[in-house]
C-alpha atoms as a PDB file:
ATOM      1  CA  UNK A   1     131.004 150.899  87.604  1.00  0.00           C
ATOM      2  CA  UNK A   2     128.087 152.661  85.849  1.00  0.00           C
ATOM      3  CA  UNK A   3     127.644 156.313  86.319  1.00  0.00           C
ATOM      4  CA  UNK A   4     123.572 155.460  85.963  1.00  0.00           C
ATOM      5  CA  UNK A   5     121.215 152.608  86.410  1.00  0.00           C
ATOM      6  CA  UNK A   6     119.354 151.488  83.329  1.00  0.00           C
ATOM      7  CA  UNK A   7     115.764 152.745  83.207  1.00  0.00           C
ATOM      8  CA  UNK A   8     115.109 149.325  82.195  1.00  0.00           C
ATOM      9  CA  UNK A   9     116.748 147.090  84.683  1.00  0.00           C
ATOM     10  CA  UNK A  10     115.805 149.765  87.464  1.00  0.00           C
ATOM     11  CA  UNK A  11     111.827 149.734  86.535  1.00  0.00           C
ATOM     12  CA  UNK A  12     112.242 145.546  86.505  1.00  0.00           C
ATOM     13  CA  UNK A  13     114.147 145.633  90.225  1.00  0.00           C
ATOM     14  CA  UNK A  14     111.597 147.990  91.910  1.00  0.00           C
ATOM     15  CA  UNK A  15     109.154 145.604  90.659  1.00  0.00           C
ATOM     16  CA  UNK A  16     110.636 142.508  92.069  1.00  0.00           C
ATOM     17  CA  UNK A  17     113.104 142.989  94.722  1.00  0.00           C
ATOM     18  CA  UNK A  18     112.303 144.192  98.570  1.00  0.00           C
ATOM     19  CA  UNK A  19     115.134 146.790  98.761  1.00  0.00           C
ATOM     20  CA  UNK A  20     117.800 147.963  97.060  1.00  0.00           C
ATOM     21  CA  UNK A  21     121.615 148.850  98.955  1.00  0.00           C
ATOM     22  CA  UNK A  22     123.667 151.660  97.746  1.00  0.00           C
ATOM     23  CA  UNK A  23     127.280 151.289  98.632  1.00  0.00           C
ATOM     24  CA  UNK A  24     129.941 154.168  98.041  1.00  0.00           C
ATOM     25  CA  UNK A  25     133.208 153.481  95.950  1.00  0.00           C
ATOM     26  CA  UNK A  26     135.543 153.767  98.874  1.00  0.00           C
ATOM     27  CA  UNK A  27     133.443 150.879 100.808  1.00  0.00           C
ATOM     28  CA  UNK A  28     133.423 148.687  97.968  1.00  0.00           C
ATOM     29  CA  UNK A  29     137.180 149.115  97.149  1.00  0.00           C
ATOM     30  CA  UNK A  30     138.105 148.446 100.922  1.00  0.00           C
ATOM     31  CA  UNK A  31     136.053 145.282 100.672  1.00  0.00           C
ATOM     32  CA  UNK A  32     138.101 144.099  97.797  1.00  0.00           C
ATOM     33  CA  UNK A  33     141.273 145.008  99.069  1.00  0.00           C
ATOM     34  CA  UNK A  34     139.997 143.092 102.548  1.00  0.00           C
ATOM     35  CA  UNK A  35     139.135 140.031 101.109  1.00  0.00           C
ATOM     36  CA  UNK A  36     142.079 140.307  99.189  1.00  0.00           C
ATOM     37  CA  UNK A  37     144.443 140.383 101.950  1.00  0.00           C
ATOM     38  CA  UNK A  38     142.296 138.031 104.096  1.00  0.00           C
ATOM     39  CA  UNK A  39     142.021 135.241 101.097  1.00  0.00           C
ATOM     40  CA  UNK A  40     144.328 136.175  98.189  1.00  0.00           C
ATOM     41  CA  UNK A  41     140.898 136.597  96.086  1.00  0.00           C
ATOM     42  CA  UNK A  42     140.563 139.083  93.592  1.00  0.00           C
ATOM     43  CA  UNK A  43     136.985 140.110  93.549  1.00  0.00           C
ATOM     44  CA  UNK A  44     135.593 142.754  90.736  1.00  0.00           C
ATOM     45  CA  UNK A  45     133.655 145.606  92.341  1.00  0.00           C
ATOM     46  CA  UNK A  46     130.366 144.352  90.921  1.00  0.00           C
ATOM     47  CA  UNK A  47     131.388 140.900  92.813  1.00  0.00           C
ATOM     48  CA  UNK A  48     132.267 142.731  96.051  1.00  0.00           C
ATOM     49  CA  UNK A  49     129.150 144.617  96.285  1.00  0.00           C
ATOM     50  CA  UNK A  50     127.009 141.946  98.410  1.00  0.00           C
ATOM     51  CA  UNK A  51     130.001 141.811 101.190  1.00  0.00           C
ATOM     52  CA  UNK A  52     129.986 145.544 101.237  1.00  0.00           C
ATOM     53  CA  UNK A  53     126.341 146.158 101.444  1.00  0.00           C
ATOM     54  CA  UNK A  54     126.231 144.051 104.742  1.00  0.00           C
ATOM     55  CA  UNK A  55     127.299 146.826 106.963  1.00  0.00           C
ATOM     56  CA  UNK A  56     123.975 148.674 106.081  1.00  0.00           C
ATOM     57  CA  UNK A  57     122.132 145.240 107.403  1.00  0.00           C
ATOM     58  CA  UNK A  58     123.828 144.952 110.463  1.00  0.00           C
ATOM     59  CA  UNK A  59     121.478 144.530 112.808  1.00  0.00           C
ATOM     60  CA  UNK A  60     118.806 143.095 110.785  1.00  0.00           C
ATOM     61  CA  UNK A  61     120.834 139.817 109.971  1.00  0.00           C
ATOM     62  CA  UNK A  62     122.081 139.513 113.176  1.00  0.00           C
ATOM     63  CA  UNK A  63     122.228 136.066 114.571  1.00  0.00           C
ATOM     64  CA  UNK A  64     121.209 135.158 111.377  1.00  0.00           C
ATOM     65  CA  UNK A  65     122.626 132.680 108.263  1.00  0.00           C
ATOM     66  CA  UNK A  66     123.540 135.004 105.497  1.00  0.00           C
ATOM     67  CA  UNK A  67     124.993 133.909 102.162  1.00  0.00           C
ATOM     68  CA  UNK A  68     127.159 136.409  99.760  1.00  0.00           C
ATOM     69  CA  UNK A  69     127.660 135.182  96.402  1.00  0.00           C
ATOM     70  CA  UNK A  70     131.229 137.350  95.432  1.00  0.00           C
ATOM     71  CA  UNK A  71     131.613 136.883  92.185  1.00  0.00           C
ATOM     72  CA  UNK A  72     133.907 137.857  89.146  1.00  0.00           C
ATOM     73  CA  UNK A  73     137.790 138.369  88.528  1.00  0.00           C
ATOM     74  CA  UNK A  74     137.179 141.480  86.082  1.00  0.00           C
ATOM     75  CA  UNK A  75     140.170 142.816  87.821  1.00  0.00           C
ATOM     76  CA  UNK A  76     143.619 143.343  87.588  1.00  0.00           C
ATOM     77  CA  UNK A  77     145.590 142.933  90.758  1.00  0.00           C
ATOM     78  CA  UNK A  78     148.141 145.645  89.131  1.00  0.00           C
ATOM     79  CA  UNK A  79     144.998 148.165  90.269  1.00  0.00           C
ATOM     80  CA  UNK A  80     145.411 147.250  93.435  1.00  0.00           C
ATOM     81  CA  UNK A  81     147.266 150.343  94.353  1.00  0.00           C
ATOM     82  CA  UNK A  82     144.319 152.651  92.771  1.00  0.00           C
ATOM     83  CA  UNK A  83     141.651 150.822  94.669  1.00  0.00           C
ATOM     84  CA  UNK A  84     143.516 151.402  97.806  1.00  0.00           C
ATOM     85  CA  UNK A  85     143.744 154.766  96.980  1.00  0.00           C
ATOM     86  CA  UNK A  86     140.131 154.847  96.169  1.00  0.00           C
ATOM     87  CA  UNK A  87     139.332 153.113  99.777  1.00  0.00           C
END
């Protein structure tokens, strides 16, 4: 993950998005492990963010149809122990 959001990217996002969710690194790591254990899919951290962010919107989305795009495999299965330690 990046240490700091790019100024241009952040400015554009503020103009066009309704909201931004901040997800702790541990939650992202837990989500990566959950998806791997449940579905044998290896997600990269950025690809796990949409699913990891759902907890913040639990009440708002209850009873609604929600679509999350989980993308990327820019992750190595050999890193799962490291990811587990960070979750």
